[in-house]
Amino acid sequence: MTIELNYDRAEELAAKERQAGIRRLQAALERDGSCECHDCEHEIEPARREAMPSATRCIACQTRSEQRMRRKR
């Protein structure tokens, strides 16, 4: 019973992550070529856009965001 519950929970989390990924990709497509960082409004570097089309922040802003998140933990 516990194994089944853990498996069900893992499947649920995986499904949520897939949906989140789909939403990020849809948002990237809806930006209609917009390349601006949501934080600083500078252009997101072409290499970053190619590597991660769903990126909404430039590398510098993403780094700062991740550092803030780590400090909150």
PDB file of N, CA and C in Angstrom:
ATOM      1  N   MET A   1       0.825  -1.197   0.000  1.00  0.00           N
ATOM      2  CA  MET A   1       0.000   0.000   0.000  1.00  0.00           C
ATOM      3  C   MET A   1       0.868   1.260   0.000  1.00  0.00           C
ATOM      4  N   THR A   2       1.887   1.340   0.848  1.00  0.00           N
ATOM      5  CA  THR A   2       2.752   2.513   0.912  1.00  0.00           C
ATOM      6  C   THR A   2       3.502   2.701  -0.396  1.00  0.00           C
ATOM      7  N   ILE A   3       3.949   1.599  -0.980  1.00  0.00           N
ATOM      8  CA  ILE A   3       4.666   1.687  -2.247  1.00  0.00           C
ATOM      9  C   ILE A   3       3.749   2.250  -3.330  1.00  0.00           C
ATOM     10  N   GLU A   4       2.515   1.807  -3.367  1.00  0.00           N
ATOM     11  CA  GLU A   4       1.566   2.315  -4.353  1.00  0.00           C
ATOM     12  C   GLU A   4       1.307   3.803  -4.157  1.00  0.00           C
ATOM     13  N   LEU A   5       1.177   4.230  -2.908  1.00  0.00           N
ATOM     14  CA  LEU A   5       0.938   5.647  -2.631  1.00  0.00           C
ATOM     15  C   LEU A   5       2.135   6.481  -3.055  1.00  0.00           C
ATOM     16  N   ASN A   6       3.348   6.009  -2.776  1.00  0.00           N
ATOM     17  CA  ASN A   6       4.553   6.741  -3.179  1.00  0.00           C
ATOM     18  C   ASN A   6       4.649   6.824  -4.696  1.00  0.00           C
ATOM     19  N   TYR A   7       4.328   5.724  -5.369  1.00  0.00           N
ATOM     20  CA  TYR A   7       4.357   5.708  -6.829  1.00  0.00           C
ATOM     21  C   TYR A   7       3.321   6.684  -7.382  1.00  0.00           C
ATOM     22  N   ASP A   8       2.127   6.671  -6.830  1.00  0.00           N
ATOM     23  CA  ASP A   8       1.079   7.587  -7.281  1.00  0.00           C
ATOM     24  C   ASP A   8       1.510   9.034  -7.090  1.00  0.00           C
ATOM     25  N   ARG A   9       2.122   9.320  -5.956  1.00  0.00           N
ATOM     26  CA  ARG A   9       2.580  10.687  -5.670  1.00  0.00           C
ATOM     27  C   ARG A   9       3.684  11.095  -6.640  1.00  0.00           C
ATOM     28  N   ALA A  10       4.604  10.173  -6.923  1.00  0.00           N
ATOM     29  CA  ALA A  10       5.687  10.459  -7.866  1.00  0.00           C
ATOM     30  C   ALA A  10       5.120  10.726  -9.257  1.00  0.00           C
ATOM     31  N   GLU A  11       4.145   9.942  -9.673  1.00  0.00           N
ATOM     32  CA  GLU A  11       3.506  10.155 -10.970  1.00  0.00           C
ATOM     33  C   GLU A  11       2.800  11.510 -11.012  1.00  0.00           C
ATOM     34  N   GLU A  12       2.149  11.863  -9.925  1.00  0.00           N
ATOM     35  CA  GLU A  12       1.447  13.151  -9.848  1.00  0.00           C
ATOM     36  C   GLU A  12       2.439  14.310  -9.969  1.00  0.00           C
ATOM     37  N   LEU A  13       3.557  14.216  -9.256  1.00  0.00           N
ATOM     38  CA  LEU A  13       4.570  15.269  -9.324  1.00  0.00           C
ATOM     39  C   LEU A  13       5.184  15.363 -10.721  1.00  0.00           C
ATOM     40  N   ALA A  14       5.438  14.211 -11.344  1.00  0.00           N
ATOM     41  CA  ALA A  14       5.993  14.210 -12.695  1.00  0.00           C
ATOM     42  C   ALA A  14       5.016  14.855 -13.678  1.00  0.00           C
ATOM     43  N   ALA A  15       3.733  14.559 -13.528  1.00  0.00           N
ATOM     44  CA  ALA A  15       2.728  15.152 -14.404  1.00  0.00           C
ATOM     45  C   ALA A  15       2.666  16.665 -14.220  1.00  0.00           C
ATOM     46  N   LYS A  16       2.760  17.121 -12.978  1.00  0.00           N
ATOM     47  CA  LYS A  16       2.741  18.571 -12.715  1.00  0.00           C
ATOM     48  C   LYS A  16       3.962  19.241 -13.331  1.00  0.00           C
ATOM     49  N   GLU A  17       5.125  18.589 -13.241  1.00  0.00           N
ATOM     50  CA  GLU A  17       6.344  19.155 -13.821  1.00  0.00           C
ATOM     51  C   GLU A  17       6.240  19.213 -15.344  1.00  0.00           C
ATOM     52  N   ARG A  18       5.667  18.184 -15.955  1.00  0.00           N
ATOM     53  CA  ARG A  18       5.469  18.205 -17.411  1.00  0.00           C
ATOM     54  C   ARG A  18       4.553  19.364 -17.799  1.00  0.00           C
ATOM     55  N   GLN A  19       3.481  19.554 -17.055  1.00  0.00           N
ATOM     56  CA  GLN A  19       2.545  20.646 -17.352  1.00  0.00           C
ATOM     57  C   GLN A  19       3.220  22.007 -17.187  1.00  0.00           C
ATOM     58  N   ALA A  20       4.044  22.140 -16.154  1.00  0.00           N
ATOM     59  CA  ALA A  20       4.764  23.398 -15.943  1.00  0.00           C
ATOM     60  C   ALA A  20       5.707  23.664 -17.116  1.00  0.00           C
ATOM     61  N   GLY A  21       6.380  22.627 -17.595  1.00  0.00           N
ATOM     62  CA  GLY A  21       7.271  22.774 -18.743  1.00  0.00           C
ATOM     63  C   GLY A  21       6.508  23.188 -19.987  1.00  0.00           C
ATOM     64  N   ILE A  22       5.352  22.595 -20.180  1.00  0.00           N
ATOM     65  CA  ILE A  22       4.517  22.950 -21.330  1.00  0.00           C
ATOM     66  C   ILE A  22       4.085  24.408 -21.232  1.00  0.00           C
ATOM     67  N   ARG A  23       3.697  24.839 -20.028  1.00  0.00           N
ATOM     68  CA  ARG A  23       3.286  26.248 -19.855  1.00  0.00           C
ATOM     69  C   ARG A  23       4.446  27.198 -20.143  1.00  0.00           C
ATOM     70  N   ARG A  24       5.669  26.823 -19.708  1.00  0.00           N
ATOM     71  CA  ARG A  24       6.829  27.684 -19.963  1.00  0.00           C
ATOM     72  C   ARG A  24       7.103  27.786 -21.463  1.00  0.00           C
ATOM     73  N   LEU A  25       6.999  26.669 -22.159  1.00  0.00           N
ATOM     74  CA  LEU A  25       7.227  26.702 -23.605  1.00  0.00           C
ATOM     75  C   LEU A  25       6.140  27.495 -24.321  1.00  0.00           C
ATOM     76  N   GLN A  26       4.896  27.350 -23.883  1.00  0.00           N
ATOM     77  CA  GLN A  26       3.807  28.123 -24.490  1.00  0.00           C
ATOM     78  C   GLN A  26       4.031  29.614 -24.268  1.00  0.00           C
ATOM     79  N   ALA A  27       4.475  29.969 -23.073  1.00  0.00           N
ATOM     80  CA  ALA A  27       4.747  31.383 -22.785  1.00  0.00           C
ATOM     81  C   ALA A  27       5.862  31.900 -23.683  1.00  0.00           C
ATOM     82  N   ALA A  28       6.872  31.075 -23.918  1.00  0.00           N
ATOM     83  CA  ALA A  28       7.968  31.486 -24.794  1.00  0.00           C
ATOM     84  C   ALA A  28       7.457  31.716 -26.219  1.00  0.00           C
ATOM     85  N   LEU A  29       6.583  30.850 -26.685  1.00  0.00           N
ATOM     86  CA  LEU A  29       6.024  31.013 -28.030  1.00  0.00           C
ATOM     87  C   LEU A  29       5.137  32.249 -28.117  1.00  0.00           C
ATOM     88  N   GLU A  30       4.406  32.543 -27.047  1.00  0.00           N
ATOM     89  CA  GLU A  30       3.498  33.695 -27.045  1.00  0.00           C
ATOM     90  C   GLU A  30       4.235  35.024 -26.974  1.00  0.00           C
ATOM     91  N   ARG A  31       5.494  34.986 -26.539  1.00  0.00           N
ATOM     92  CA  ARG A  31       6.259  36.230 -26.463  1.00  0.00           C
ATOM     93  C   ARG A  31       6.511  36.799 -27.848  1.00  0.00           C
ATOM     94  N   ASP A  32       6.244  35.985 -28.867  1.00  0.00           N
ATOM     95  CA  ASP A  32       6.321  36.452 -30.253  1.00  0.00           C
ATOM     96  C   ASP A  32       7.658  37.101 -30.574  1.00  0.00           C
ATOM     97  N   GLY A  33       8.729  36.423 -30.206  1.00  0.00           N
ATOM     98  CA  GLY A  33      10.054  36.927 -30.532  1.00  0.00           C
ATOM     99  C   GLY A  33      10.600  37.919 -29.531  1.00  0.00           C
ATOM    100  N   SER A  34       9.846  38.242 -28.497  1.00  0.00           N
ATOM    101  CA  SER A  34      10.341  39.170 -27.482  1.00  0.00           C
ATOM    102  C   SER A  34      11.550  38.556 -26.799  1.00  0.00           C
ATOM    103  N   CYS A  35      12.574  39.324 -26.684  1.00  0.00           N
ATOM    104  CA  CYS A  35      13.822  38.818 -26.122  1.00  0.00           C
ATOM    105  C   CYS A  35      14.213  39.580 -24.860  1.00  0.00           C
ATOM    106  N   GLU A  36      13.282  40.279 -24.261  1.00  0.00           N
ATOM    107  CA  GLU A  36      13.608  41.103 -23.105  1.00  0.00           C
ATOM    108  C   GLU A  36      13.490  40.324 -21.810  1.00  0.00           C
ATOM    109  N   CYS A  37      14.411  40.595 -20.907  1.00  0.00           N
ATOM    110  CA  CYS A  37      14.393  40.030 -19.567  1.00  0.00           C
ATOM    111  C   CYS A  37      13.229  40.657 -18.799  1.00  0.00           C
ATOM    112  N   HIS A  38      12.501  39.847 -18.077  1.00  0.00           N
ATOM    113  CA  HIS A  38      11.363  40.356 -17.314  1.00  0.00           C
ATOM    114  C   HIS A  38      11.801  41.230 -16.147  1.00  0.00           C
ATOM    115  N   ASP A  39      13.041  41.062 -15.676  1.00  0.00           N
ATOM    116  CA  ASP A  39      13.505  41.843 -14.537  1.00  0.00           C
ATOM    117  C   ASP A  39      14.151  43.166 -14.953  1.00  0.00           C
ATOM    118  N   CYS A  40      15.149  43.084 -15.833  1.00  0.00           N
ATOM    119  CA  CYS A  40      15.918  44.297 -16.175  1.00  0.00           C
ATOM    120  C   CYS A  40      15.544  44.885 -17.534  1.00  0.00           C
ATOM    121  N   GLU A  41      14.756  44.163 -18.304  1.00  0.00           N
ATOM    122  CA  GLU A  41      14.289  44.580 -19.627  1.00  0.00           C
ATOM    123  C   GLU A  41      15.396  44.702 -20.673  1.00  0.00           C
ATOM    124  N   HIS A  42      16.602  44.181 -20.364  1.00  0.00           N
ATOM    125  CA  HIS A  42      17.650  44.100 -21.370  1.00  0.00           C
ATOM    126  C   HIS A  42      17.417  42.836 -22.192  1.00  0.00           C
ATOM    127  N   GLU A  43      18.096  42.749 -23.320  1.00  0.00           N
ATOM    128  CA  GLU A  43      17.928  41.595 -24.195  1.00  0.00           C
ATOM    129  C   GLU A  43      18.476  40.319 -23.540  1.00  0.00           C
ATOM    130  N   ILE A  44      17.721  39.236 -23.658  1.00  0.00           N
ATOM    131  CA  ILE A  44      18.203  37.926 -23.231  1.00  0.00           C
ATOM    132  C   ILE A  44      19.166  37.458 -24.321  1.00  0.00           C
ATOM    133  N   GLU A  45      20.348  37.037 -23.918  1.00  0.00           N
ATOM    134  CA  GLU A  45      21.388  36.657 -24.853  1.00  0.00           C
ATOM    135  C   GLU A  45      20.903  35.558 -25.812  1.00  0.00           C
ATOM    136  N   PRO A  46      21.240  35.680 -27.104  1.00  0.00           N
ATOM    137  CA  PRO A  46      20.808  34.675 -28.083  1.00  0.00           C
ATOM    138  C   PRO A  46      21.214  33.245 -27.709  1.00  0.00           C
ATOM    139  N   ALA A  47      22.402  33.059 -27.162  1.00  0.00           N
ATOM    140  CA  ALA A  47      22.841  31.708 -26.776  1.00  0.00           C
ATOM    141  C   ALA A  47      21.948  31.152 -25.672  1.00  0.00           C
ATOM    142  N   ARG A  48      21.543  32.014 -24.746  1.00  0.00           N
ATOM    143  CA  ARG A  48      20.643  31.560 -23.671  1.00  0.00           C
ATOM    144  C   ARG A  48      19.273  31.215 -24.245  1.00  0.00           C
ATOM    145  N   ARG A  49      18.761  32.035 -25.145  1.00  0.00           N
ATOM    146  CA  ARG A  49      17.454  31.750 -25.760  1.00  0.00           C
ATOM    147  C   ARG A  49      17.486  30.441 -26.528  1.00  0.00           C
ATOM    148  N   GLU A  50      18.619  30.181 -27.199  1.00  0.00           N
ATOM    149  CA  GLU A  50      18.739  28.940 -27.951  1.00  0.00           C
ATOM    150  C   GLU A  50      18.801  27.736 -27.010  1.00  0.00           C
ATOM    151  N   ALA A  51      19.548  27.872 -25.926  1.00  0.00           N
ATOM    152  CA  ALA A  51      19.696  26.772 -24.973  1.00  0.00           C
ATOM    153  C   ALA A  51      18.429  26.556 -24.162  1.00  0.00           C
ATOM    154  N   MET A  52      17.737  27.655 -23.831  1.00  0.00           N
ATOM    155  CA  MET A  52      16.534  27.571 -23.005  1.00  0.00           C
ATOM    156  C   MET A  52      15.492  28.532 -23.548  1.00  0.00           C
ATOM    157  N   PRO A  53      14.720  28.096 -24.545  1.00  0.00           N
ATOM    158  CA  PRO A  53      13.744  28.987 -25.178  1.00  0.00           C
ATOM    159  C   PRO A  53      12.711  29.561 -24.207  1.00  0.00           C
ATOM    160  N   SER A  54      12.468  28.879 -23.103  1.00  0.00           N
ATOM    161  CA  SER A  54      11.457  29.354 -22.159  1.00  0.00           C
ATOM    162  C   SER A  54      12.006  30.347 -21.141  1.00  0.00           C
ATOM    163  N   ALA A  55      13.285  30.706 -21.247  1.00  0.00           N
ATOM    164  CA  ALA A  55      13.898  31.628 -20.282  1.00  0.00           C
ATOM    165  C   ALA A  55      13.195  32.989 -20.322  1.00  0.00           C
ATOM    166  N   THR A  56      12.906  33.515 -19.151  1.00  0.00           N
ATOM    167  CA  THR A  56      12.285  34.836 -19.062  1.00  0.00           C
ATOM    168  C   THR A  56      13.227  35.861 -18.454  1.00  0.00           C
ATOM    169  N   ARG A  57      14.410  35.408 -18.045  1.00  0.00           N
ATOM    170  CA  ARG A  57      15.407  36.306 -17.455  1.00  0.00           C
ATOM    171  C   ARG A  57      16.745  36.134 -18.164  1.00  0.00           C
ATOM    172  N   CYS A  58      17.520  37.209 -18.199  1.00  0.00           N
ATOM    173  CA  CYS A  58      18.885  37.115 -18.695  1.00  0.00           C
ATOM    174  C   CYS A  58      19.703  36.331 -17.653  1.00  0.00           C
ATOM    175  N   ILE A  59      20.900  35.964 -18.013  1.00  0.00           N
ATOM    176  CA  ILE A  59      21.713  35.150 -17.114  1.00  0.00           C
ATOM    177  C   ILE A  59      21.976  35.879 -15.801  1.00  0.00           C
ATOM    178  N   ALA A  60      22.295  37.152 -15.854  1.00  0.00           N
ATOM    179  CA  ALA A  60      22.599  37.905 -14.633  1.00  0.00           C
ATOM    180  C   ALA A  60      21.397  37.943 -13.688  1.00  0.00           C
ATOM    181  N   CYS A  61      20.224  38.222 -14.213  1.00  0.00           N
ATOM    182  CA  CYS A  61      19.021  38.292 -13.371  1.00  0.00           C
ATOM    183  C   CYS A  61      18.636  36.915 -12.856  1.00  0.00           C
ATOM    184  N   GLN A  62      18.805  35.883 -13.680  1.00  0.00           N
ATOM    185  CA  GLN A  62      18.498  34.531 -13.230  1.00  0.00           C
ATOM    186  C   GLN A  62      19.438  34.129 -12.103  1.00  0.00           C
ATOM    187  N   THR A  63      20.707  34.472 -12.212  1.00  0.00           N
ATOM    188  CA  THR A  63      21.681  34.166 -11.165  1.00  0.00           C
ATOM    189  C   THR A  63      21.284  34.851  -9.864  1.00  0.00           C
ATOM    190  N   ARG A  64      20.922  36.139  -9.946  1.00  0.00           N
ATOM    191  CA  ARG A  64      20.502  36.863  -8.738  1.00  0.00           C
ATOM    192  C   ARG A  64      19.254  36.234  -8.128  1.00  0.00           C
ATOM    193  N   SER A  65      18.321  35.844  -8.966  1.00  0.00           N
ATOM    194  CA  SER A  65      17.095  35.216  -8.476  1.00  0.00           C
ATOM    195  C   SER A  65      17.398  33.907  -7.749  1.00  0.00           C
ATOM    196  N   GLU A  66      18.269  33.097  -8.320  1.00  0.00           N
ATOM    197  CA  GLU A  66      18.630  31.828  -7.686  1.00  0.00           C
ATOM    198  C   GLU A  66      19.371  32.053  -6.363  1.00  0.00           C
ATOM    199  N   GLN A  67      20.213  33.075  -6.304  1.00  0.00           N
ATOM    200  CA  GLN A  67      20.935  33.381  -5.074  1.00  0.00           C
ATOM    201  C   GLN A  67      19.955  33.811  -3.984  1.00  0.00           C
ATOM    202  N   ARG A  68      18.951  34.605  -4.345  1.00  0.00           N
ATOM    203  CA  ARG A  68      17.941  35.015  -3.359  1.00  0.00           C
ATOM    204  C   ARG A  68      17.178  33.821  -2.847  1.00  0.00           C
ATOM    205  N   MET A  69      16.830  32.906  -3.744  1.00  0.00           N
ATOM    206  CA  MET A  69      16.094  31.707  -3.345  1.00  0.00           C
ATOM    207  C   MET A  69      16.923  30.845  -2.391  1.00  0.00           C
ATOM    208  N   ARG A  70      18.223  30.724  -2.659  1.00  0.00           N
ATOM    209  CA  ARG A  70      19.093  29.934  -1.772  1.00  0.00           C
ATOM    210  C   ARG A  70      19.183  30.558  -0.390  1.00  0.00           C
ATOM    211  N   ARG A  71      19.238  31.894  -0.335  1.00  0.00           N
ATOM    212  CA  ARG A  71      19.330  32.572   0.962  1.00  0.00           C
ATOM    213  C   ARG A  71      18.062  32.408   1.781  1.00  0.00           C
ATOM    214  N   LYS A  72      16.927  32.262   1.113  1.00  0.00           N
ATOM    215  CA  LYS A  72      15.650  32.112   1.822  1.00  0.00           C
ATOM    216  C   LYS A  72      15.524  30.747   2.491  1.00  0.00           C
ATOM    217  N   ARG A  73      16.268  29.764   2.002  1.00  0.00           N
ATOM    218  CA  ARG A  73      16.165  28.411   2.568  1.00  0.00           C
ATOM    219  C   ARG A  73      16.804  28.291   3.883  1.00  0.00           C
TER     220      ARG A  73
END
